[in-house]
Amino acid sequence: MALDYFYDGQFRHYMLQVIRVFSGFQHEIGRDANNNPILKTVPCNWAPQDKLVAAILKNNSENTILSTPNMSVHIRDIEMAPERRQNTNHVSTLGVHEREIDRINNRYTSERGASYTVERFMPVPFNMTVQLDIWTSNLMQKFELLEQILVLFNPALDIQTNTNALDWTALTWMELTNIVQSSRTIPIGTDLTMDIASLTFKVPIWINPPAKVKNYRAVEQIVTNISALNEELIEENADIDRSAVDWARGDIYARSITTPGQHHVEIEGNRLRLLGENSEPLNNLGEPWNWINLFELYGKYRPGTSQIRLKTTDDMDDHETDVIGTIQVDPTDPSYLFFNVDIQTLPANNLPPINGVIDPHRTFHAVSGPPAPSPLPTPQVGDRYIVINDIAPNTTYGALSANANDIIEFGANDEWFVAFDSDSITGNYTLVNQFTNKQLSWRNKSWTLTLAGVYGPGYWRVAL
């Protein structure tokens, strides 16, 4: 069976804790002027059976004697522990919630942050035998260290390999099982070889397989398509069981989109207003809908960072054409959001920009006669305007005839002409109104703000 590579250093974690158990012990090296003991800490090291390590410790010379006192730890044996084996197919599932982090002040808050699901698999039990060697040069050093160590084991000592609250194998214990007081079989003679006391410990351990961590997200929307089979498709499958019909090849007859609250949103300038299921501005208590309450269904709202995405097509799977903007709740009215659109996500303009939108009966450049109610700047070649009323030939616009929603342009011959004929143009077009710096779209025989209108469920979504 092929498995993905993983390594968490679990044996290393156990040995580090064992070494820490024997770190910090001291022995007396003399007395000061006030007859107080002078103490020195005895090091405890990992002692693998490695010739290279031994050569380094001896400075690559046989004439070097290891310093004493010293302590070393190594694994002597690892064996299976069938008496602790449990259901090998057991999976423990936990729901975990993080605390929210204040990114500005770099600290945790009291609010709930991201949510996860953790699946823990049954670990494999082993018994590890660990040996501690105490290297001493005299009997007094040995007794000093043994006396400090042996009182801790009566007969066991608890150890913790980590502080992970989800690790169900973090706690174990060390049990003292054997003591060899001296490595010398006959303690007489003039041999200067160091004396070694060996303590043997049993350490029950668990080796964990990797856990599965899944990021929990609330359901944002469910799209149900009701398809209508066309005649060709029905004929192709006339003699086949209906369960075998390829319904995906049919046209969508109806679509039902379900989201929390079935809310609509309405764009008003640079603000988004939250509406109800039927576009009503007030809830059943007669109060405006509250964006903060809605955000709590999804996660943590971050002013200036969280986003709203507006869909500009009917394809629910097409996210490439979404218009995206960052949001901030209006502090004076939580039913509104300030919507800062990323202009790079707006539809590409396929018409040159205009200077503005004008009523030609009120806004014009008066060459003679009474001034216009709203004077138009002196026309320059290339000036373009959308007109909201018809224009008949007159002294102001010359021989120009134009209809409402046409775009008129001032040409090089100092005359106005129709650059966009609204009666004959078909298709969708977009341009920028340089006076307001907003994008306008030509759809359904009228000019509207590209993002204007009400967006129903599925046509807007929150990205917190």
Protein backbone atom coordinates (compact mmCIF):
# COMPACT_ATOMS: atom_id res chain seq x y z
CA MET A 1 0.00 0.00 0.00
CA ALA A 2 1.47 3.35 -1.08
CA LEU A 3 1.42 6.11 1.53
CA ASP A 4 2.31 9.77 1.30
CA TYR A 5 5.59 10.63 3.00
CA PHE A 6 5.31 12.09 6.47
CA TYR A 7 7.67 12.65 9.40
CA ASP A 8 6.88 14.38 12.67
CA GLY A 9 10.00 13.46 14.70
CA GLN A 10 7.97 11.57 17.31
CA PHE A 11 10.86 9.41 18.59
CA ARG A 12 12.95 12.56 18.86
CA HIS A 13 10.24 14.27 20.94
CA TYR A 14 10.17 11.36 23.38
CA MET A 15 13.97 11.32 23.75
CA LEU A 16 14.14 15.08 24.26
CA GLN A 17 11.74 14.77 27.18
CA VAL A 18 13.72 11.88 28.65
CA ILE A 19 16.93 13.89 28.42
CA ARG A 20 15.21 16.87 30.08
CA VAL A 21 14.25 14.63 33.03
CA PHE A 22 17.96 14.14 33.80
CA SER A 23 19.12 17.67 32.97
CA GLY A 24 19.93 20.12 35.73
CA PHE A 25 21.31 17.72 38.39
CA GLN A 26 24.38 19.01 40.23
CA HIS A 27 27.34 17.72 42.19
CA GLU A 28 29.69 19.34 44.69
CA ILE A 29 33.19 20.31 43.55
CA GLY A 30 34.36 22.01 46.73
CA ARG A 31 33.61 24.59 49.41
CA ASP A 32 33.90 28.36 49.41
CA ALA A 33 35.38 30.56 52.16
CA ASN A 34 32.10 30.37 54.09
CA ASN A 35 32.05 26.58 53.86
CA ASN A 36 29.10 26.64 51.43
CA PRO A 37 29.14 23.94 48.72
CA ILE A 38 30.25 24.94 45.24
CA LEU A 39 27.97 23.17 42.77
CA LYS A 40 28.42 22.29 39.13
CA THR A 41 25.69 21.07 36.75
CA VAL A 42 26.18 17.61 35.29
CA PRO A 43 25.41 17.49 31.56
CA CYS A 44 23.08 14.88 30.09
CA ASN A 45 23.51 14.01 26.42
CA TRP A 46 22.04 11.80 23.76
CA ALA A 47 24.50 8.92 23.23
CA PRO A 48 23.90 7.09 19.95
CA GLN A 49 26.17 4.17 19.10
CA ASP A 50 28.09 6.08 16.45
CA LYS A 51 31.84 5.73 15.87
CA LEU A 52 32.11 9.18 14.34
CA VAL A 53 30.49 10.77 17.41
CA ALA A 54 32.82 8.84 19.70
CA ALA A 55 35.85 10.01 17.72
CA ILE A 56 34.72 13.66 17.97
CA LEU A 57 34.18 13.37 21.73
CA LYS A 58 37.73 12.05 22.09
CA ASN A 59 39.19 14.75 19.81
CA ASN A 60 40.07 11.96 17.36
CA SER A 61 42.67 10.61 19.78
CA GLU A 62 42.89 7.46 21.88
CA ASN A 63 44.76 9.44 24.56
CA THR A 64 41.77 11.64 25.42
CA ILE A 65 39.78 10.72 28.53
CA LEU A 66 36.12 11.71 28.71
CA SER A 67 35.33 14.28 31.40
CA THR A 68 33.34 13.21 34.46
CA PRO A 69 30.81 13.28 35.90
CA ASN A 70 28.59 12.96 32.86
CA MET A 71 25.29 11.31 31.95
CA SER A 72 24.19 9.84 28.63
CA VAL A 73 20.88 8.44 27.41
CA HIS A 74 20.19 6.02 24.58
CA ILE A 75 17.39 3.76 23.34
CA ARG A 76 18.21 0.15 24.12
CA ASP A 77 15.11 -1.51 22.71
CA ILE A 78 11.69 -0.90 21.11
CA GLU A 79 9.01 -3.57 21.06
CA MET A 80 5.32 -3.83 20.22
CA ALA A 81 2.81 -3.42 23.07
CA PRO A 82 -0.18 -5.63 22.12
CA GLU A 83 -1.71 -5.25 25.58
CA ARG A 84 -2.36 -1.56 24.82
CA ARG A 85 -3.58 -2.08 21.26
CA GLN A 86 -7.14 -0.83 20.69
CA ASN A 87 -9.58 -0.63 17.77
CA THR A 88 -7.23 -0.08 14.83
CA ASN A 89 -10.00 1.41 12.65
CA HIS A 90 -11.17 3.97 15.20
CA VAL A 91 -11.31 7.61 14.06
CA SER A 92 -11.91 10.44 16.55
CA THR A 93 -13.52 13.56 15.05
CA LEU A 94 -13.20 16.90 16.83
CA GLY A 95 -14.55 20.37 16.06
CA VAL A 96 -11.97 23.08 16.74
CA HIS A 97 -12.48 26.85 16.86
CA GLU A 98 -9.57 29.28 16.84
CA ARG A 99 -9.57 32.58 18.67
CA GLU A 100 -9.71 35.57 16.40
CA ILE A 101 -6.44 37.49 15.89
CA ASP A 102 -6.31 41.27 15.87
CA ARG A 103 -3.90 41.77 12.95
CA ILE A 104 -3.36 45.42 13.76
CA ASN A 105 -2.33 44.94 17.40
CA ASN A 106 -0.99 41.39 16.82
CA ARG A 107 -2.89 39.76 19.68
CA TYR A 108 -5.73 37.34 20.29
CA THR A 109 -9.22 38.68 20.92
CA SER A 110 -12.16 37.14 22.79
CA GLU A 111 -14.08 36.48 19.55
CA ARG A 112 -14.24 33.24 17.59
CA GLY A 113 -12.04 32.89 14.53
CA ALA A 114 -11.62 30.11 11.95
CA SER A 115 -13.23 26.70 12.50
CA TYR A 116 -11.76 23.30 11.65
CA THR A 117 -12.64 19.63 11.79
CA VAL A 118 -9.81 17.31 12.93
CA GLU A 119 -9.93 13.55 12.31
CA ARG A 120 -7.50 11.65 14.55
CA PHE A 121 -6.61 8.05 13.71
CA MET A 122 -5.79 5.36 16.26
CA PRO A 123 -2.05 5.44 17.13
CA VAL A 124 0.18 2.33 17.34
CA PRO A 125 1.46 1.36 20.84
CA PHE A 126 5.09 0.50 21.60
CA ASN A 127 7.25 -0.01 24.69
CA MET A 128 10.57 1.79 24.53
CA THR A 129 13.45 0.75 26.79
CA VAL A 130 15.78 3.63 27.64
CA GLN A 131 19.13 3.36 29.43
CA LEU A 132 20.74 6.13 31.46
CA ASP A 133 24.50 5.80 32.03
CA ILE A 134 26.04 7.84 34.84
CA TRP A 135 29.78 8.31 34.26
CA THR A 136 31.72 9.09 37.40
CA SER A 137 35.36 9.04 38.52
CA ASN A 138 34.71 8.39 42.21
CA LEU A 139 32.13 6.87 44.48
CA MET A 140 31.04 10.21 45.99
CA GLN A 141 29.99 11.60 42.58
CA LYS A 142 27.98 8.47 41.87
CA PHE A 143 26.14 8.55 45.20
CA GLU A 144 25.37 12.28 44.82
CA LEU A 145 23.69 11.78 41.47
CA LEU A 146 21.93 8.50 42.32
CA GLU A 147 20.43 10.00 45.46
CA GLN A 148 18.95 12.90 43.52
CA ILE A 149 17.61 10.72 40.69
CA LEU A 150 16.24 7.66 42.49
CA VAL A 151 13.86 9.61 44.75
CA LEU A 152 11.95 10.75 41.61
CA PHE A 153 10.98 7.22 40.61
CA ASN A 154 8.64 5.45 42.98
CA PRO A 155 8.49 3.67 40.61
CA ALA A 156 7.43 6.00 37.75
CA LEU A 157 7.52 9.62 36.60
CA ASP A 158 5.03 11.30 34.21
CA ILE A 159 6.37 13.09 31.12
CA GLN A 160 4.65 15.20 28.45
CA THR A 161 5.97 15.28 24.90
CA ASN A 162 4.12 18.42 23.73
CA THR A 163 1.42 20.95 24.62
CA ASN A 164 -0.88 20.22 21.67
CA ALA A 165 -4.41 19.99 23.09
CA LEU A 166 -5.45 17.70 20.21
CA ASP A 167 -2.65 15.15 20.71
CA TRP A 168 -4.19 12.32 22.73
CA THR A 169 -0.75 10.68 23.18
CA ALA A 170 1.10 13.67 24.64
CA LEU A 171 1.20 12.18 28.19
CA THR A 172 3.16 9.06 29.15
CA TRP A 173 5.43 7.91 31.96
CA MET A 174 8.89 6.51 32.71
CA GLU A 175 9.15 3.47 34.97
CA LEU A 176 12.46 2.48 36.57
CA THR A 177 12.88 -1.26 35.91
CA ASN A 178 16.56 -2.06 36.65
CA ILE A 179 19.69 -0.64 38.28
CA VAL A 180 23.28 -1.70 37.61
CA GLN A 181 25.24 0.05 40.35
CA SER A 182 28.68 -0.38 38.79
CA SER A 183 30.27 -1.48 35.54
CA ARG A 184 33.24 -2.89 37.47
CA THR A 185 32.87 -6.56 38.31
CA ILE A 186 35.68 -6.58 40.88
CA PRO A 187 36.14 -3.11 42.50
CA ILE A 188 39.86 -3.50 43.40
CA GLY A 189 43.17 -2.75 41.72
CA THR A 190 44.78 0.30 40.18
CA ASP A 191 42.65 0.53 36.99
CA LEU A 192 41.78 4.18 36.28
CA THR A 193 38.84 3.33 34.01
CA MET A 194 35.74 5.39 34.80
CA ASP A 195 32.93 3.72 36.70
CA ILE A 196 29.45 3.67 35.09
CA ALA A 197 26.12 3.18 36.83
CA SER A 198 23.29 2.18 34.51
CA LEU A 199 19.57 2.76 35.07
CA THR A 200 16.99 1.11 32.81
CA PHE A 201 13.56 2.65 32.20
CA LYS A 202 10.42 1.48 30.46
CA VAL A 203 8.64 4.22 28.47
CA PRO A 204 5.24 3.37 26.90
CA ILE A 205 4.91 5.38 23.70
CA TRP A 206 2.45 5.85 20.83
CA ILE A 207 3.31 6.55 17.20
CA ASN A 208 0.60 8.63 15.53
CA PRO A 209 -0.37 8.55 11.86
CA PRO A 210 -1.12 11.98 10.30
CA ALA A 211 -4.45 13.56 11.20
CA LYS A 212 -6.85 15.12 8.69
CA VAL A 213 -7.53 18.81 9.24
CA LYS A 214 -10.47 20.31 7.33
CA ASN A 215 -11.34 23.99 7.21
CA TYR A 216 -15.01 24.44 8.17
CA ARG A 217 -17.05 26.83 6.10
CA ALA A 218 -20.73 27.68 6.37
CA VAL A 219 -22.89 26.84 3.38
CA GLU A 220 -23.11 30.04 1.35
CA GLN A 221 -25.55 28.99 -1.34
CA ILE A 222 -27.24 25.99 -2.91
CA VAL A 223 -28.09 26.22 -6.60
CA THR A 224 -30.86 23.93 -7.86
CA ASN A 225 -31.30 23.79 -11.63
CA ILE A 226 -34.53 22.39 -13.05
CA SER A 227 -33.72 21.30 -16.61
CA ALA A 228 -36.14 20.98 -19.50
CA LEU A 229 -35.18 18.36 -22.11
CA ASN A 230 -35.41 19.55 -25.67
CA GLU A 231 -37.29 17.52 -28.28
CA GLU A 232 -34.11 16.12 -29.81
CA LEU A 233 -32.95 14.83 -26.43
CA ILE A 234 -36.33 13.18 -25.73
CA GLU A 235 -36.30 11.46 -29.10
CA GLU A 236 -32.79 10.13 -28.51
CA ASN A 237 -33.85 8.53 -25.24
CA ALA A 238 -37.42 7.56 -26.04
CA ASP A 239 -36.85 3.85 -25.42
CA ILE A 240 -34.47 4.22 -22.50
CA ASP A 241 -35.23 4.37 -18.81
CA ARG A 242 -35.57 8.01 -17.70
CA SER A 243 -32.83 7.55 -15.12
CA ALA A 244 -30.43 7.08 -18.03
CA VAL A 245 -31.33 10.40 -19.66
CA ASP A 246 -28.52 12.94 -19.73
CA TRP A 247 -30.42 15.75 -18.01
CA ALA A 248 -27.39 18.04 -18.15
CA ARG A 249 -27.91 18.40 -21.89
CA GLY A 250 -31.28 20.05 -21.42
CA ASP A 251 -31.93 23.76 -21.18
CA ILE A 252 -32.40 25.21 -17.70
CA TYR A 253 -36.15 25.59 -17.19
CA ALA A 254 -35.91 27.21 -13.75
CA ARG A 255 -33.30 27.90 -11.10
CA SER A 256 -33.72 28.05 -7.34
CA ILE A 257 -30.89 29.58 -5.29
CA THR A 258 -30.85 29.17 -1.52
CA THR A 259 -28.66 31.31 0.75
CA PRO A 260 -28.89 32.18 4.46
CA GLY A 261 -31.75 34.67 4.78
CA GLN A 262 -32.34 34.83 1.00
CA HIS A 263 -31.14 38.44 1.18
CA HIS A 264 -31.00 40.86 -1.73
CA VAL A 265 -28.59 43.79 -1.95
CA GLU A 266 -29.07 47.12 -3.69
CA ILE A 267 -26.34 49.44 -4.91
CA GLU A 268 -26.85 53.11 -4.14
CA GLY A 269 -23.84 55.06 -5.36
CA ASN A 270 -20.84 53.67 -3.51
CA ARG A 271 -22.96 51.92 -0.88
CA LEU A 272 -24.62 48.52 -0.66
CA ARG A 273 -27.94 48.24 1.13
CA LEU A 274 -29.05 44.96 2.67
CA LEU A 275 -32.61 43.95 1.79
CA GLY A 276 -34.87 41.06 2.70
CA GLU A 277 -36.03 38.00 0.78
CA ASN A 278 -38.54 40.06 -1.22
CA SER A 279 -36.30 43.15 -1.45
CA GLU A 280 -38.04 44.68 1.55
CA PRO A 281 -35.87 47.22 3.46
CA LEU A 282 -37.22 46.30 6.94
CA ASN A 283 -37.38 43.01 8.85
CA ASN A 284 -40.45 41.62 10.64
CA LEU A 285 -39.66 43.87 13.63
CA GLY A 286 -39.83 46.95 11.47
CA GLU A 287 -36.06 47.49 11.71
CA PRO A 288 -33.52 47.83 8.87
CA TRP A 289 -31.55 44.67 8.08
CA ASN A 290 -28.15 44.58 9.79
CA TRP A 291 -24.97 43.60 7.92
CA ILE A 292 -23.13 42.71 11.16
CA ASN A 293 -25.76 40.12 12.07
CA LEU A 294 -25.46 38.56 8.61
CA PHE A 295 -21.66 38.41 8.76
CA GLU A 296 -21.83 36.39 11.98
CA LEU A 297 -23.29 33.51 9.94
CA TYR A 298 -20.13 33.37 7.83
CA GLY A 299 -17.22 34.34 10.08
CA LYS A 300 -15.30 37.44 11.07
CA TYR A 301 -15.91 40.69 9.21
CA ARG A 302 -12.70 42.72 8.63
CA PRO A 303 -13.29 46.37 7.65
CA GLY A 304 -11.42 47.34 4.48
CA THR A 305 -10.32 43.73 3.88
CA SER A 306 -13.50 41.66 3.60
CA GLN A 307 -15.06 41.65 0.13
CA ILE A 308 -18.37 41.53 -1.67
CA ARG A 309 -18.43 39.85 -5.11
CA LEU A 310 -21.20 40.78 -7.55
CA LYS A 311 -22.08 38.47 -10.43
CA THR A 312 -22.54 40.11 -13.83
CA THR A 313 -23.64 36.98 -15.72
CA ASP A 314 -26.26 34.26 -15.21
CA ASP A 315 -23.59 31.53 -15.13
CA MET A 316 -23.34 30.50 -11.49
CA ASP A 317 -20.00 28.74 -12.12
CA ASP A 318 -18.39 31.73 -13.84
CA HIS A 319 -16.43 33.65 -11.22
CA GLU A 320 -14.00 35.27 -13.67
CA THR A 321 -16.41 38.12 -14.46
CA ASP A 322 -17.33 38.90 -10.83
CA VAL A 323 -17.00 42.53 -9.79
CA ILE A 324 -15.08 42.64 -6.51
CA GLY A 325 -14.81 45.37 -3.91
CA THR A 326 -13.76 45.76 -0.30
CA ILE A 327 -16.40 46.70 2.24
CA GLN A 328 -16.85 48.67 5.43
CA VAL A 329 -20.05 48.92 7.44
CA ASP A 330 -21.49 52.44 7.56
CA PRO A 331 -21.05 53.41 11.24
CA THR A 332 -24.17 55.57 11.10
CA ASP A 333 -26.41 52.92 9.50
CA PRO A 334 -25.43 49.21 9.68
CA SER A 335 -27.89 48.37 6.90
CA TYR A 336 -25.41 49.93 4.46
CA LEU A 337 -21.87 49.04 3.42
CA PHE A 338 -19.35 51.33 1.80
CA PHE A 339 -18.34 49.45 -1.37
CA ASN A 340 -14.88 50.25 -2.73
CA VAL A 341 -14.80 48.62 -6.17
CA ASP A 342 -11.59 47.22 -7.63
CA ILE A 343 -11.75 48.90 -11.05
CA GLN A 344 -9.70 46.07 -12.57
CA THR A 345 -12.65 43.71 -12.02
CA LEU A 346 -15.15 45.90 -13.88
CA PRO A 347 -16.13 44.85 -17.42
CA ALA A 348 -13.70 46.11 -20.07
CA ASN A 349 -14.80 49.32 -21.80
CA ASN A 350 -15.58 48.86 -25.50
CA LEU A 351 -16.54 52.48 -26.22
CA PRO A 352 -14.52 55.70 -25.79
CA PRO A 353 -15.28 57.68 -22.60
CA ILE A 354 -17.81 60.50 -22.49
CA ASN A 355 -17.52 63.94 -20.91
CA GLY A 356 -20.87 63.63 -19.18
CA VAL A 357 -24.61 63.03 -19.43
CA ILE A 358 -26.65 66.11 -20.37
CA ASP A 359 -30.18 67.31 -21.03
CA PRO A 360 -29.65 69.15 -24.34
CA HIS A 361 -32.64 71.41 -23.60
CA ARG A 362 -30.96 72.79 -20.46
CA THR A 363 -27.24 72.17 -20.90
CA PHE A 364 -25.61 73.67 -23.99
CA HIS A 365 -23.04 76.18 -25.15
CA ALA A 366 -24.94 79.38 -26.02
CA VAL A 367 -23.25 81.07 -29.01
CA SER A 368 -25.84 83.82 -28.98
CA GLY A 369 -29.07 84.63 -27.27
CA PRO A 370 -29.92 83.98 -23.59
CA PRO A 371 -27.47 81.86 -21.58
CA ALA A 372 -28.20 78.19 -20.92
CA PRO A 373 -29.57 77.21 -17.49
CA SER A 374 -26.59 74.85 -17.18
CA PRO A 375 -23.85 76.15 -19.47
CA LEU A 376 -21.84 73.59 -21.40
CA PRO A 377 -18.09 74.27 -21.70
CA THR A 378 -16.91 75.48 -25.05
CA PRO A 379 -16.92 72.33 -27.22
CA GLN A 380 -13.56 70.85 -28.15
CA VAL A 381 -12.92 68.32 -30.89
CA GLY A 382 -13.63 64.86 -29.48
CA ASP A 383 -16.03 65.96 -26.73
CA ARG A 384 -18.72 63.31 -26.29
CA TYR A 385 -21.99 63.41 -24.35
CA ILE A 386 -24.96 61.13 -23.74
CA VAL A 387 -28.19 63.07 -24.24
CA ILE A 388 -31.35 62.26 -22.29
CA ASN A 389 -33.75 64.11 -24.60
CA ASP A 390 -34.25 64.33 -28.33
CA ILE A 391 -32.46 67.06 -30.31
CA ALA A 392 -33.95 68.72 -33.36
CA PRO A 393 -31.97 71.04 -35.64
CA ASN A 394 -31.47 74.39 -33.88
CA THR A 395 -29.06 77.26 -33.51
CA THR A 396 -27.20 75.59 -30.62
CA TYR A 397 -26.46 72.15 -32.10
CA GLY A 398 -26.74 73.12 -35.76
CA ALA A 399 -28.22 70.59 -38.16
CA LEU A 400 -27.87 67.76 -35.62
CA SER A 401 -30.83 65.44 -35.08
CA ALA A 402 -30.46 62.99 -32.21
CA ASN A 403 -32.63 60.80 -29.99
CA ALA A 404 -32.56 60.29 -26.25
CA ASN A 405 -29.75 57.89 -25.22
CA ASP A 406 -27.67 58.79 -28.30
CA ILE A 407 -24.03 59.81 -27.90
CA ILE A 408 -23.19 63.03 -29.70
CA GLU A 409 -19.63 64.07 -30.51
CA PHE A 410 -18.03 67.38 -31.59
CA GLY A 411 -16.15 66.80 -34.82
CA ALA A 412 -13.14 68.38 -36.51
CA ASN A 413 -15.41 70.44 -38.76
CA ASP A 414 -16.83 72.20 -35.68
CA GLU A 415 -20.15 70.38 -35.98
CA TRP A 416 -21.97 67.93 -33.76
CA PHE A 417 -22.77 64.45 -35.08
CA VAL A 418 -24.28 61.23 -33.67
CA ALA A 419 -21.49 58.84 -32.67
CA PHE A 420 -23.80 56.25 -31.08
CA ASP A 421 -27.27 55.70 -32.57
CA SER A 422 -29.38 54.18 -29.79
CA ASP A 423 -32.14 53.16 -32.22
CA SER A 424 -29.92 50.95 -34.35
CA ILE A 425 -27.23 49.74 -31.94
CA THR A 426 -27.65 46.22 -30.54
CA GLY A 427 -25.50 44.33 -28.04
CA ASN A 428 -23.89 45.36 -24.77
CA TYR A 429 -21.48 48.26 -24.44
CA THR A 430 -19.63 49.91 -21.58
CA LEU A 431 -17.85 53.22 -21.19
CA VAL A 432 -16.65 55.61 -18.51
CA ASN A 433 -18.38 58.88 -17.61
CA GLN A 434 -15.38 61.11 -16.96
CA PHE A 435 -17.52 63.65 -15.10
CA THR A 436 -18.46 61.14 -12.36
CA ASN A 437 -15.66 58.60 -13.01
CA LYS A 438 -18.29 55.85 -13.05
CA GLN A 439 -18.84 53.14 -15.62
CA LEU A 440 -22.05 53.11 -17.68
CA SER A 441 -23.46 50.12 -19.52
CA TRP A 442 -25.79 49.97 -22.55
CA ARG A 443 -28.25 47.14 -21.94
CA ASN A 444 -31.87 46.67 -22.92
CA LYS A 445 -31.92 49.92 -24.92
CA SER A 446 -30.91 52.16 -21.99
CA TRP A 447 -27.84 53.50 -20.21
CA THR A 448 -27.40 52.52 -16.56
CA LEU A 449 -24.60 52.42 -14.06
CA THR A 450 -22.82 49.10 -14.57
CA LEU A 451 -23.36 48.06 -10.95
CA ALA A 452 -26.71 49.72 -10.40
CA GLY A 453 -29.75 47.76 -9.33
CA VAL A 454 -30.77 44.97 -6.98
CA TYR A 455 -28.84 41.70 -6.77
CA GLY A 456 -30.71 38.61 -5.64
CA PRO A 457 -29.48 35.44 -3.89
CA GLY A 458 -26.60 33.84 -5.77
CA TYR A 459 -25.69 37.05 -7.60
CA TRP A 460 -23.71 38.41 -4.68
CA ARG A 461 -21.54 36.72 -2.10
CA VAL A 462 -19.36 37.60 0.85
CA ALA A 463 -15.62 36.83 1.05
CA LEU A 464 -14.56 37.49 4.64
